[in-house]
Structure formats: structure tokens, C-alpha cells
Amino acid sequence: MNSLLGYFWAGLIFASIAWYGFLVFYVGWKAGREIRVLTRTLGAAKAQDQVTK
């Protein structure tokens, strides 16, 4: 019984670490994409502003 409980907690800890790692990389990937889109949008707006002046 004690060994089963140890395996359960070890599995739970490893699963939570894997979940946290997945979330860190997933949110970082999504944020990186959004930053690239934002940079392009702001660059285009700046170029359009310079053309109109």
C-alpha cells in the first residue's frame, strides 16, 4: 500500500511538472507570434504615417 501511494504522488508530481512546462512553452509560443504580428502592424502604421506627412 505504501509503495502504491508513493507511485501515485510521484506520478502526480511529474504530471504537474510536465503540464507546467507545456504551458510555459505554449504561452511563450503564442506570445512570440503575437509580438511578431504587432511589430508588423506598428511598422506598417508608421510607414503609412510617414507617407501621409
PDB file of N, CA and C in Angstrom:
ATOM      1  N   MET A   1       0.828  -1.198   0.000  1.00  0.00           N
ATOM      2  CA  MET A   1       0.000   0.000   0.000  1.00  0.00           C
ATOM      3  C   MET A   1       0.868   1.256   0.000  1.00  0.00           C
ATOM      4  N   ASN A   2       1.903   1.262   0.802  1.00  0.00           N
ATOM      5  CA  ASN A   2       2.768   2.436   0.897  1.00  0.00           C
ATOM      6  C   ASN A   2       3.467   2.696  -0.436  1.00  0.00           C
ATOM      7  N   SER A   3       3.887   1.645  -1.128  1.00  0.00           N
ATOM      8  CA  SER A   3       4.561   1.787  -2.412  1.00  0.00           C
ATOM      9  C   SER A   3       3.603   2.360  -3.462  1.00  0.00           C
ATOM     10  N   LEU A   4       2.358   1.914  -3.427  1.00  0.00           N
ATOM     11  CA  LEU A   4       1.364   2.410  -4.371  1.00  0.00           C
ATOM     12  C   LEU A   4       1.125   3.906  -4.179  1.00  0.00           C
ATOM     13  N   LEU A   5       1.072   4.333  -2.932  1.00  0.00           N
ATOM     14  CA  LEU A   5       0.885   5.755  -2.628  1.00  0.00           C
ATOM     15  C   LEU A   5       2.083   6.584  -3.116  1.00  0.00           C
ATOM     16  N   GLY A   6       3.271   6.039  -2.972  1.00  0.00           N
ATOM     17  CA  GLY A   6       4.476   6.725  -3.452  1.00  0.00           C
ATOM     18  C   GLY A   6       4.468   6.879  -4.963  1.00  0.00           C
ATOM     19  N   TYR A   7       4.063   5.834  -5.675  1.00  0.00           N
ATOM     20  CA  TYR A   7       3.968   5.914  -7.131  1.00  0.00           C
ATOM     21  C   TYR A   7       2.904   6.920  -7.560  1.00  0.00           C
ATOM     22  N   PHE A   8       1.819   6.940  -6.827  1.00  0.00           N
ATOM     23  CA  PHE A   8       0.750   7.890  -7.145  1.00  0.00           C
ATOM     24  C   PHE A   8       1.249   9.324  -7.024  1.00  0.00           C
ATOM     25  N   TRP A   9       1.903   9.640  -5.903  1.00  0.00           N
ATOM     26  CA  TRP A   9       2.391  11.007  -5.704  1.00  0.00           C
ATOM     27  C   TRP A   9       3.511  11.365  -6.675  1.00  0.00           C
ATOM     28  N   ALA A  10       4.378  10.406  -6.965  1.00  0.00           N
ATOM     29  CA  ALA A  10       5.446  10.660  -7.938  1.00  0.00           C
ATOM     30  C   ALA A  10       4.846  10.943  -9.317  1.00  0.00           C
ATOM     31  N   GLY A  11       3.844  10.147  -9.696  1.00  0.00           N
ATOM     32  CA  GLY A  11       3.172  10.382 -10.973  1.00  0.00           C
ATOM     33  C   GLY A  11       2.481  11.727 -11.011  1.00  0.00           C
ATOM     34  N   LEU A  12       1.859  12.094  -9.914  1.00  0.00           N
ATOM     35  CA  LEU A  12       1.180  13.385  -9.830  1.00  0.00           C
ATOM     36  C   LEU A  12       2.170  14.545  -9.937  1.00  0.00           C
ATOM     37  N   ILE A  13       3.297  14.419  -9.275  1.00  0.00           N
ATOM     38  CA  ILE A  13       4.321  15.476  -9.322  1.00  0.00           C
ATOM     39  C   ILE A  13       4.891  15.602 -10.729  1.00  0.00           C
ATOM     40  N   PHE A  14       5.233  14.466 -11.352  1.00  0.00           N
ATOM     41  CA  PHE A  14       5.787  14.523 -12.705  1.00  0.00           C
ATOM     42  C   PHE A  14       4.761  15.049 -13.706  1.00  0.00           C
ATOM     43  N   ALA A  15       3.508  14.673 -13.541  1.00  0.00           N
ATOM     44  CA  ALA A  15       2.462  15.173 -14.437  1.00  0.00           C
ATOM     45  C   ALA A  15       2.294  16.679 -14.287  1.00  0.00           C
ATOM     46  N   SER A  16       2.360  17.176 -13.053  1.00  0.00           N
ATOM     47  CA  SER A  16       2.207  18.623 -12.856  1.00  0.00           C
ATOM     48  C   SER A  16       3.403  19.386 -13.423  1.00  0.00           C
ATOM     49  N   ILE A  17       4.599  18.823 -13.304  1.00  0.00           N
ATOM     50  CA  ILE A  17       5.783  19.469 -13.886  1.00  0.00           C
ATOM     51  C   ILE A  17       5.679  19.486 -15.412  1.00  0.00           C
ATOM     52  N   ALA A  18       5.218  18.383 -15.990  1.00  0.00           N
ATOM     53  CA  ALA A  18       5.054  18.328 -17.447  1.00  0.00           C
ATOM     54  C   ALA A  18       3.990  19.318 -17.905  1.00  0.00           C
ATOM     55  N   TRP A  19       2.890  19.418 -17.180  1.00  0.00           N
ATOM     56  CA  TRP A  19       1.828  20.354 -17.526  1.00  0.00           C
ATOM     57  C   TRP A  19       2.336  21.796 -17.456  1.00  0.00           C
ATOM     58  N   TYR A  20       3.065  22.125 -16.399  1.00  0.00           N
ATOM     59  CA  TYR A  20       3.624  23.467 -16.246  1.00  0.00           C
ATOM     60  C   TYR A  20       4.591  23.775 -17.389  1.00  0.00           C
ATOM     61  N   GLY A  21       5.443  22.819 -17.724  1.00  0.00           N
ATOM     62  CA  GLY A  21       6.382  23.024 -18.833  1.00  0.00           C
ATOM     63  C   GLY A  21       5.653  23.241 -20.140  1.00  0.00           C
ATOM     64  N   PHE A  22       4.616  22.449 -20.388  1.00  0.00           N
ATOM     65  CA  PHE A  22       3.819  22.628 -21.601  1.00  0.00           C
ATOM     66  C   PHE A  22       3.214  24.028 -21.648  1.00  0.00           C
ATOM     67  N   LEU A  23       2.642  24.470 -20.542  1.00  0.00           N
ATOM     68  CA  LEU A  23       2.022  25.795 -20.521  1.00  0.00           C
ATOM     69  C   LEU A  23       3.033  26.902 -20.746  1.00  0.00           C
ATOM     70  N   VAL A  24       4.210  26.788 -20.155  1.00  0.00           N
ATOM     71  CA  VAL A  24       5.250  27.807 -20.339  1.00  0.00           C
ATOM     72  C   VAL A  24       5.620  27.927 -21.818  1.00  0.00           C
ATOM     73  N   PHE A  25       5.859  26.802 -22.472  1.00  0.00           N
ATOM     74  CA  PHE A  25       6.239  26.853 -23.882  1.00  0.00           C
ATOM     75  C   PHE A  25       5.079  27.264 -24.772  1.00  0.00           C
ATOM     76  N   TYR A  26       3.880  26.820 -24.472  1.00  0.00           N
ATOM     77  CA  TYR A  26       2.711  27.170 -25.284  1.00  0.00           C
ATOM     78  C   TYR A  26       2.418  28.667 -25.205  1.00  0.00           C
ATOM     79  N   VAL A  27       2.416  29.215 -24.001  1.00  0.00           N
ATOM     80  CA  VAL A  27       2.153  30.652 -23.839  1.00  0.00           C
ATOM     81  C   VAL A  27       3.288  31.470 -24.455  1.00  0.00           C
ATOM     82  N   GLY A  28       4.519  31.010 -24.311  1.00  0.00           N
ATOM     83  CA  GLY A  28       5.650  31.702 -24.932  1.00  0.00           C
ATOM     84  C   GLY A  28       5.555  31.707 -26.444  1.00  0.00           C
ATOM     85  N   TRP A  29       5.149  30.592 -27.024  1.00  0.00           N
ATOM     86  CA  TRP A  29       4.994  30.494 -28.483  1.00  0.00           C
ATOM     87  C   TRP A  29       3.893  31.424 -28.964  1.00  0.00           C
ATOM     88  N   LYS A  30       2.748  31.421 -28.271  1.00  0.00           N
ATOM     89  CA  LYS A  30       1.637  32.291 -28.662  1.00  0.00           C
ATOM     90  C   LYS A  30       2.034  33.764 -28.505  1.00  0.00           C
ATOM     91  N   ALA A  31       2.727  34.104 -27.442  1.00  0.00           N
ATOM     92  CA  ALA A  31       3.151  35.486 -27.226  1.00  0.00           C
ATOM     93  C   ALA A  31       4.160  35.915 -28.284  1.00  0.00           C
ATOM     94  N   GLY A  32       5.059  35.034 -28.660  1.00  0.00           N
ATOM     95  CA  GLY A  32       6.033  35.356 -29.705  1.00  0.00           C
ATOM     96  C   GLY A  32       5.356  35.649 -31.024  1.00  0.00           C
ATOM     97  N   ARG A  33       4.344  34.839 -31.370  1.00  0.00           N
ATOM     98  CA  ARG A  33       3.584  35.090 -32.598  1.00  0.00           C
ATOM     99  C   ARG A  33       2.877  36.432 -32.533  1.00  0.00           C
ATOM    100  N   GLU A  34       2.283  36.731 -31.388  1.00  0.00           N
ATOM    101  CA  GLU A  34       1.551  37.987 -31.253  1.00  0.00           C
ATOM    102  C   GLU A  34       2.487  39.191 -31.323  1.00  0.00           C
ATOM    103  N   ILE A  35       3.670  39.060 -30.753  1.00  0.00           N
ATOM    104  CA  ILE A  35       4.644  40.156 -30.815  1.00  0.00           C
ATOM    105  C   ILE A  35       5.085  40.400 -32.253  1.00  0.00           C
ATOM    106  N   ARG A  36       5.291  39.306 -33.032  1.00  0.00           N
ATOM    107  CA  ARG A  36       5.663  39.486 -34.439  1.00  0.00           C
ATOM    108  C   ARG A  36       4.568  40.195 -35.218  1.00  0.00           C
ATOM    109  N   VAL A  37       3.313  39.805 -35.002  1.00  0.00           N
ATOM    110  CA  VAL A  37       2.191  40.447 -35.700  1.00  0.00           C
ATOM    111  C   VAL A  37       2.082  41.912 -35.276  1.00  0.00           C
ATOM    112  N   LEU A  38       2.225  42.176 -34.006  1.00  0.00           N
ATOM    113  CA  LEU A  38       2.141  43.547 -33.512  1.00  0.00           C
ATOM    114  C   LEU A  38       3.256  44.410 -34.093  1.00  0.00           C
ATOM    115  N   THR A  39       4.460  43.857 -34.175  1.00  0.00           N
ATOM    116  CA  THR A  39       5.586  44.608 -34.739  1.00  0.00           C
ATOM    117  C   THR A  39       5.332  44.939 -36.208  1.00  0.00           C
ATOM    118  N   ARG A  40       4.812  43.959 -36.961  1.00  0.00           N
ATOM    119  CA  ARG A  40       4.499  44.229 -38.373  1.00  0.00           C
ATOM    120  C   ARG A  40       3.411  45.282 -38.506  1.00  0.00           C
ATOM    121  N   THR A  41       2.393  45.194 -37.682  1.00  0.00           N
ATOM    122  CA  THR A  41       1.282  46.150 -37.747  1.00  0.00           C
ATOM    123  C   THR A  41       1.754  47.564 -37.411  1.00  0.00           C
ATOM    124  N   LEU A  42       2.549  47.676 -36.360  1.00  0.00           N
ATOM    125  CA  LEU A  42       3.054  49.006 -35.991  1.00  0.00           C
ATOM    126  C   LEU A  42       4.017  49.543 -37.045  1.00  0.00           C
ATOM    127  N   GLY A  43       4.826  48.674 -37.638  1.00  0.00           N
ATOM    128  CA  GLY A  43       5.736  49.108 -38.707  1.00  0.00           C
ATOM    129  C   GLY A  43       4.972  49.604 -39.917  1.00  0.00           C
ATOM    130  N   ALA A  44       3.902  48.899 -40.260  1.00  0.00           N
ATOM    131  CA  ALA A  44       3.087  49.337 -41.405  1.00  0.00           C
ATOM    132  C   ALA A  44       2.380  50.656 -41.100  1.00  0.00           C
ATOM    133  N   ALA A  45       1.913  50.813 -39.864  1.00  0.00           N
ATOM    134  CA  ALA A  45       1.247  52.060 -39.496  1.00  0.00           C
ATOM    135  C   ALA A  45       2.238  53.222 -39.509  1.00  0.00           C
ATOM    136  N   LYS A  46       3.478  52.967 -39.076  1.00  0.00           N
ATOM    137  CA  LYS A  46       4.497  54.020 -39.079  1.00  0.00           C
ATOM    138  C   LYS A  46       4.851  54.392 -40.518  1.00  0.00           C
ATOM    139  N   ALA A  47       4.979  53.409 -41.389  1.00  0.00           N
ATOM    140  CA  ALA A  47       5.304  53.679 -42.788  1.00  0.00           C
ATOM    141  C   ALA A  47       4.156  54.459 -43.447  1.00  0.00           C
ATOM    142  N   GLN A  48       2.934  54.097 -43.146  1.00  0.00           N
ATOM    143  CA  GLN A  48       1.772  54.813 -43.704  1.00  0.00           C
ATOM    144  C   GLN A  48       1.726  56.249 -43.183  1.00  0.00           C
ATOM    145  N   ASP A  49       2.102  56.443 -41.920  1.00  0.00           N
ATOM    146  CA  ASP A  49       2.104  57.784 -41.333  1.00  0.00           C
ATOM    147  C   ASP A  49       3.170  58.659 -41.993  1.00  0.00           C
ATOM    148  N   GLN A  50       4.311  58.053 -42.317  1.00  0.00           N
ATOM    149  CA  GLN A  50       5.393  58.826 -42.957  1.00  0.00           C
ATOM    150  C   GLN A  50       5.025  59.179 -44.390  1.00  0.00           C
ATOM    151  N   VAL A  51       4.243  58.373 -45.059  1.00  0.00           N
ATOM    152  CA  VAL A  51       3.833  58.638 -46.424  1.00  0.00           C
ATOM    153  C   VAL A  51       2.851  59.809 -46.462  1.00  0.00           C
ATOM    154  N   THR A  52       1.968  59.878 -45.489  1.00  0.00           N
ATOM    155  CA  THR A  52       0.936  60.924 -45.469  1.00  0.00           C
ATOM    156  C   THR A  52       1.479  62.263 -45.029  1.00  0.00           C
ATOM    157  N   LYS A  53       2.673  62.310 -44.445  1.00  0.00           N
ATOM    158  CA  LYS A  53       3.207  63.605 -43.983  1.00  0.00           C
ATOM    159  C   LYS A  53       3.918  64.340 -45.077  1.00  0.00           C
TER     160      LYS A  53
END
